[in-house]
C-alpha atoms as a PDB file:
ATOM      1  CA  MET A   1       3.569 -67.645  36.602  1.00  0.00           C
ATOM      2  CA  SER A   2       2.136 -65.565  39.410  1.00  0.00           C
ATOM      3  CA  ASP A   3      -1.170 -65.959  41.175  1.00  0.00           C
ATOM      4  CA  SER A   4      -1.591 -62.291  42.006  1.00  0.00           C
ATOM      5  CA  THR A   5       0.034 -58.891  42.040  1.00  0.00           C
ATOM      6  CA  THR A   6       0.100 -56.024  44.483  1.00  0.00           C
ATOM      7  CA  GLU A   7       0.831 -52.393  43.732  1.00  0.00           C
ATOM      8  CA  ASN A   8       3.211 -50.554  46.058  1.00  0.00           C
ATOM      9  CA  MET A   9       3.299 -46.801  46.337  1.00  0.00           C
ATOM     10  CA  VAL A  10       6.879 -47.236  47.611  1.00  0.00           C
ATOM     11  CA  ASP A  11       8.770 -50.529  47.475  1.00  0.00           C
ATOM     12  CA  PHE A  12      10.393 -51.457  50.784  1.00  0.00           C
ATOM     13  CA  GLY A  13      13.478 -53.193  49.355  1.00  0.00           C
ATOM     14  CA  LEU A  14      14.460 -50.471  46.896  1.00  0.00           C
ATOM     15  CA  PHE A  15      13.705 -47.753  49.441  1.00  0.00           C
ATOM     16  CA  THR A  16      15.839 -49.521  52.073  1.00  0.00           C
ATOM     17  CA  TYR A  17      18.834 -49.686  49.735  1.00  0.00           C
ATOM     18  CA  GLY A  18      18.337 -46.020  48.840  1.00  0.00           C
ATOM     19  CA  ARG A  19      18.185 -45.109  52.519  1.00  0.00           C
ATOM     20  CA  GLU A  20      21.401 -47.024  53.232  1.00  0.00           C
ATOM     21  CA  TYR A  21      23.229 -45.301  50.358  1.00  0.00           C
ATOM     22  CA  TYR A  22      21.936 -41.907  51.507  1.00  0.00           C
ATOM     23  CA  GLU A  23      22.893 -42.473  55.151  1.00  0.00           C
ATOM     24  CA  SER A  24      26.342 -43.734  54.094  1.00  0.00           C
ATOM     25  CA  ALA A  25      26.803 -40.552  52.054  1.00  0.00           C
ATOM     26  CA  GLN A  26      25.876 -38.504  55.125  1.00  0.00           C
ATOM     27  CA  ILE A  27      28.595 -40.256  57.143  1.00  0.00           C
ATOM     28  CA  LEU A  28      31.119 -39.329  54.454  1.00  0.00           C
ATOM     29  CA  LYS A  29      29.939 -35.711  54.508  1.00  0.00           C
ATOM     30  CA  GLU A  30      30.150 -35.538  58.317  1.00  0.00           C
ATOM     31  CA  ASN A  31      33.778 -36.622  57.924  1.00  0.00           C
ATOM     32  CA  HIS A  32      34.410 -33.950  55.276  1.00  0.00           C
ATOM     33  CA  VAL A  33      34.618 -36.440  52.412  1.00  0.00           C
ATOM     34  CA  THR A  34      32.670 -34.953  49.524  1.00  0.00           C
ATOM     35  CA  SER A  35      34.219 -36.470  46.438  1.00  0.00           C
ATOM     36  CA  ASN A  36      33.416 -39.221  43.957  1.00  0.00           C
ATOM     37  CA  SER A  37      32.341 -41.819  46.516  1.00  0.00           C
ATOM     38  CA  TYR A  38      30.007 -39.272  48.124  1.00  0.00           C
ATOM     39  CA  TYR A  39      28.502 -38.272  44.778  1.00  0.00           C
ATOM     40  CA  ILE A  40      28.084 -41.855  43.647  1.00  0.00           C
ATOM     41  CA  LEU A  41      26.340 -42.840  46.888  1.00  0.00           C
ATOM     42  CA  LEU A  42      23.938 -39.892  46.557  1.00  0.00           C
ATOM     43  CA  ALA A  43      23.225 -40.759  42.921  1.00  0.00           C
ATOM     44  CA  LEU A  44      22.634 -44.424  43.810  1.00  0.00           C
ATOM     45  CA  ALA A  45      20.335 -43.364  46.629  1.00  0.00           C
ATOM     46  CA  ILE A  46      18.297 -41.207  44.254  1.00  0.00           C
ATOM     47  CA  GLU A  47      18.185 -44.024  41.697  1.00  0.00           C
ATOM     48  CA  CYS A  48      16.844 -46.469  44.296  1.00  0.00           C
ATOM     49  CA  PHE A  49      14.369 -43.917  45.635  1.00  0.00           C
ATOM     50  CA  LEU A  50      13.042 -43.218  42.134  1.00  0.00           C
ATOM     51  CA  LYS A  51      12.860 -46.909  41.263  1.00  0.00           C
ATOM     52  CA  SER A  52      11.010 -47.602  44.535  1.00  0.00           C
ATOM     53  CA  ILE A  53       8.054 -45.443  43.472  1.00  0.00           C
ATOM     54  CA  ARG A  54       5.016 -47.354  42.155  1.00  0.00           C
ATOM     55  CA  THR A  55       6.319 -50.897  41.900  1.00  0.00           C
ATOM     56  CA  THR A  56       4.342 -54.065  41.297  1.00  0.00           C
ATOM     57  CA  VAL A  57       5.036 -57.245  43.265  1.00  0.00           C
ATOM     58  CA  MET A  58       4.185 -60.569  41.655  1.00  0.00           C
ATOM     59  CA  TRP A  59       3.141 -63.310  44.043  1.00  0.00           C
ATOM     60  CA  ASN A  60       3.031 -67.082  43.775  1.00  0.00           C
ATOM     61  CA  GLY A  61       0.637 -67.947  46.554  1.00  0.00           C
ATOM     62  CA  SER A  62       1.953 -66.239  49.683  1.00  0.00           C
ATOM     63  CA  VAL A  63       5.498 -65.897  48.333  1.00  0.00           C
ATOM     64  CA  ALA A  64       6.636 -62.784  46.491  1.00  0.00           C
ATOM     65  CA  ASN A  65       8.733 -63.803  43.508  1.00  0.00           C
ATOM     66  CA  LYS A  66       9.288 -60.659  41.421  1.00  0.00           C
ATOM     67  CA  VAL A  67       9.259 -56.876  41.746  1.00  0.00           C
ATOM     68  CA  GLN A  68       8.564 -54.888  38.610  1.00  0.00           C
ATOM     69  CA  HIS A  69      10.330 -51.515  38.540  1.00  0.00           C
ATOM     70  CA  THR A  70      12.307 -49.422  36.068  1.00  0.00           C
ATOM     71  CA  LYS A  71      15.223 -51.564  34.914  1.00  0.00           C
ATOM     72  CA  ASN A  72      18.404 -51.296  32.847  1.00  0.00           C
ATOM     73  CA  VAL A  73      18.845 -47.557  33.256  1.00  0.00           C
ATOM     74  CA  HIS A  74      20.933 -45.405  35.599  1.00  0.00           C
ATOM     75  CA  ASP A  75      19.988 -42.068  33.985  1.00  0.00           C
ATOM     76  CA  LEU A  76      17.999 -40.345  36.742  1.00  0.00           C
ATOM     77  CA  ALA A  77      16.151 -38.120  34.262  1.00  0.00           C
ATOM     78  CA  LYS A  78      14.927 -41.149  32.289  1.00  0.00           C
ATOM     79  CA  ILE A  79      13.726 -42.875  35.456  1.00  0.00           C
ATOM     80  CA  TYR A  80      11.921 -39.725  36.620  1.00  0.00           C
ATOM     81  CA  HIS A  81      10.447 -39.265  33.136  1.00  0.00           C
ATOM     82  CA  LYS A  82       8.835 -42.714  33.401  1.00  0.00           C
ATOM     83  CA  ILE A  83       7.173 -41.591  36.624  1.00  0.00           C
ATOM     84  CA  THR A  84       5.898 -38.405  34.951  1.00  0.00           C
ATOM     85  CA  VAL A  85       4.457 -40.430  32.055  1.00  0.00           C
ATOM     86  CA  ASN A  86       3.016 -43.363  34.017  1.00  0.00           C
ATOM     87  CA  TYR A  87       2.010 -41.521  37.209  1.00  0.00           C
ATOM     88  CA  PRO A  88       1.555 -37.843  36.299  1.00  0.00           C
ATOM     89  CA  GLU A  89      -0.345 -37.031  39.502  1.00  0.00           C
ATOM     90  CA  ASP A  90       2.469 -38.442  41.641  1.00  0.00           C
ATOM     91  CA  ALA A  91       5.056 -36.531  39.605  1.00  0.00           C
ATOM     92  CA  ALA A  92       3.072 -33.290  39.912  1.00  0.00           C
ATOM     93  CA  TRP A  93       2.813 -33.770  43.683  1.00  0.00           C
ATOM     94  CA  LEU A  94       6.557 -34.467  43.984  1.00  0.00           C
ATOM     95  CA  GLU A  95       7.376 -31.462  41.800  1.00  0.00           C
ATOM     96  CA  GLN A  96       5.129 -29.208  43.913  1.00  0.00           C
ATOM     97  CA  LYS A  97       6.563 -30.387  47.238  1.00  0.00           C
ATOM     98  CA  TYR A  98      10.120 -30.008  45.969  1.00  0.00           C
ATOM     99  CA  ALA A  99       9.427 -26.489  44.685  1.00  0.00           C
ATOM    100  CA  GLU A 100       7.894 -25.526  48.047  1.00  0.00           C
ATOM    101  CA  GLN A 101      10.985 -26.753  49.882  1.00  0.00           C
ATOM    102  CA  PHE A 102      13.780 -25.639  47.527  1.00  0.00           C
ATOM    103  CA  GLN A 103      12.188 -23.047  45.188  1.00  0.00           C
ATOM    104  CA  ARG A 104      13.500 -25.012  42.207  1.00  0.00           C
ATOM    105  CA  SER A 105      12.210 -27.627  39.788  1.00  0.00           C
ATOM    106  CA  LEU A 106      12.710 -31.266  40.774  1.00  0.00           C
ATOM    107  CA  LYS A 107      12.836 -32.267  37.118  1.00  0.00           C
ATOM    108  CA  ALA A 108      15.509 -29.644  36.338  1.00  0.00           C
ATOM    109  CA  ASP A 109      17.604 -30.590  39.380  1.00  0.00           C
ATOM    110  CA  ILE A 110      17.443 -34.280  38.461  1.00  0.00           C
ATOM    111  CA  GLU A 111      18.433 -33.406  34.887  1.00  0.00           C
ATOM    112  CA  LEU A 112      21.558 -31.564  36.091  1.00  0.00           C
ATOM    113  CA  ASN A 113      22.923 -34.704  37.776  1.00  0.00           C
ATOM    114  CA  LYS A 114      21.227 -37.383  35.699  1.00  0.00           C
ATOM    115  CA  ASP A 115      24.446 -39.256  34.856  1.00  0.00           C
ATOM    116  CA  VAL A 116      26.526 -38.839  38.014  1.00  0.00           C
ATOM    117  CA  PHE A 117      26.594 -42.571  38.767  1.00  0.00           C
ATOM    118  CA  THR A 118      27.450 -43.568  35.210  1.00  0.00           C
ATOM    119  CA  LEU A 119      30.018 -40.865  34.525  1.00  0.00           C
ATOM    120  CA  ARG A 120      31.722 -40.475  37.928  1.00  0.00           C
ATOM    121  CA  ARG A 121      32.270 -44.088  38.945  1.00  0.00           C
ATOM    122  CA  TYR A 122      35.430 -44.352  36.803  1.00  0.00           C
ATOM    123  CA  PRO A 123      38.153 -41.707  36.366  1.00  0.00           C
ATOM    124  CA  TYR A 124      37.842 -41.716  32.552  1.00  0.00           C
ATOM    125  CA  SER A 125      35.043 -41.908  30.013  1.00  0.00           C
ATOM    126  CA  ASN A 126      34.224 -45.267  28.462  1.00  0.00           C
ATOM    127  CA  LYS A 127      36.386 -44.110  25.518  1.00  0.00           C
ATOM    128  CA  GLY A 128      39.341 -43.452  27.834  1.00  0.00           C
ATOM    129  CA  GLU A 129      39.163 -39.674  27.468  1.00  0.00           C
ATOM    130  CA  ILE A 130      40.324 -37.556  30.389  1.00  0.00           C
ATOM    131  CA  PRO A 131      37.569 -35.066  31.274  1.00  0.00           C
ATOM    132  CA  LYS A 132      38.409 -31.431  31.977  1.00  0.00           C
ATOM    133  CA  ILE A 133      36.544 -28.726  33.861  1.00  0.00           C
ATOM    134  CA  PRO A 134      36.170 -25.586  31.730  1.00  0.00           C
ATOM    135  CA  LEU A 135      37.066 -22.227  33.230  1.00  0.00           C
ATOM    136  CA  PRO A 136      34.465 -19.444  33.291  1.00  0.00           C
ATOM    137  CA  GLN A 137      34.999 -17.018  30.411  1.00  0.00           C
ATOM    138  CA  THR A 138      32.151 -14.497  30.582  1.00  0.00           C
ATOM    139  CA  ARG A 139      30.966 -12.110  33.272  1.00  0.00           C
ATOM    140  CA  GLU A 140      27.756 -14.163  33.670  1.00  0.00           C
ATOM    141  CA  GLU A 141      29.707 -17.389  34.089  1.00  0.00           C
ATOM    142  CA  LEU A 142      31.907 -15.749  36.713  1.00  0.00           C
ATOM    143  CA  LEU A 143      28.948 -14.282  38.620  1.00  0.00           C
ATOM    144  CA  TYR A 144      26.380 -17.051  38.289  1.00  0.00           C
ATOM    145  CA  GLY A 145      28.400 -20.154  37.555  1.00  0.00           C
ATOM    146  CA  MET A 146      28.259 -22.269  34.466  1.00  0.00           C
ATOM    147  CA  GLN A 147      26.497 -25.348  33.280  1.00  0.00           C
ATOM    148  CA  TYR A 148      29.218 -27.769  32.311  1.00  0.00           C
ATOM    149  CA  LYS A 149      29.033 -29.821  29.160  1.00  0.00           C
ATOM    150  CA  ASN A 150      31.455 -32.530  30.180  1.00  0.00           C
ATOM    151  CA  ASP A 151      31.487 -35.806  32.009  1.00  0.00           C
ATOM    152  CA  ILE A 152      32.829 -34.674  35.352  1.00  0.00           C
ATOM    153  CA  ALA A 153      30.443 -31.916  36.406  1.00  0.00           C
ATOM    154  CA  VAL A 154      28.469 -32.522  39.601  1.00  0.00           C
ATOM    155  CA  TYR A 155      26.018 -29.948  40.880  1.00  0.00           C
ATOM    156  CA  GLU A 156      26.616 -30.920  44.488  1.00  0.00           C
ATOM    157  CA  LYS A 157      23.936 -28.792  46.188  1.00  0.00           C
ATOM    158  CA  HIS A 158      21.278 -29.956  43.730  1.00  0.00           C
ATOM    159  CA  LEU A 159      22.345 -33.591  44.121  1.00  0.00           C
ATOM    160  CA  GLU A 160      22.213 -33.284  47.916  1.00  0.00           C
ATOM    161  CA  ASP A 161      18.821 -31.569  47.831  1.00  0.00           C
ATOM    162  CA  VAL A 162      17.237 -34.189  45.556  1.00  0.00           C
ATOM    163  CA  ALA A 163      18.589 -37.049  47.686  1.00  0.00           C
ATOM    164  CA  GLN A 164      17.442 -35.393  50.918  1.00  0.00           C
ATOM    165  CA  PHE A 165      14.016 -34.666  49.431  1.00  0.00           C
ATOM    166  CA  PHE A 166      13.362 -38.281  48.456  1.00  0.00           C
ATOM    167  CA  TYR A 167      14.786 -39.550  51.756  1.00  0.00           C
ATOM    168  CA  ASP A 168      12.495 -37.242  53.741  1.00  0.00           C
ATOM    169  CA  THR A 169       9.467 -37.727  51.483  1.00  0.00           C
ATOM    170  CA  LEU A 170       9.566 -41.515  51.201  1.00  0.00           C
ATOM    171  CA  SER A 171      10.715 -42.331  54.768  1.00  0.00           C
ATOM    172  CA  PRO A 172       7.266 -41.866  56.360  1.00  0.00           C
ATOM    173  CA  HIS A 173       6.031 -44.884  54.383  1.00  0.00           C
ATOM    174  CA  PHE A 174       8.244 -47.084  56.575  1.00  0.00           C
ATOM    175  CA  SER A 175       8.418 -45.419  59.990  1.00  0.00           C
END
């Protein structure tokens, strides 16, 4: 049982892990390693950053004994959706700042890479199927790219932008 609770705009522990994953990913990129480990680190960073937003700490006297945050989910879109439902003003602010910086929707960019951690951490699906990248077939797909409907697609630029955005946006809370 806790004596009291405190509300955190950004949780230090979750943010710190997110920052470490993000900075580790940057070291990989500087060394021209942009593959599964890079993608997974970026996705984990985003997951920690999202889960760090609006946490509740439960205290027993002067000792913190529990942090309440989004649990049991790695789907980035589901985590972000909880923020939009529970803290719509925060979500609107994040969406606006992201759009100003990247001229895209934060929600849409998160949706594109929502399952990178879950689907890229092993070489096969949980059913053992070998994923395949489809080849562009139409003029539009050739000119503008395609949205993949398989387990191995990573929208690298969008993943990098979302991770950088949360890193830059949340960092001032701890500088």
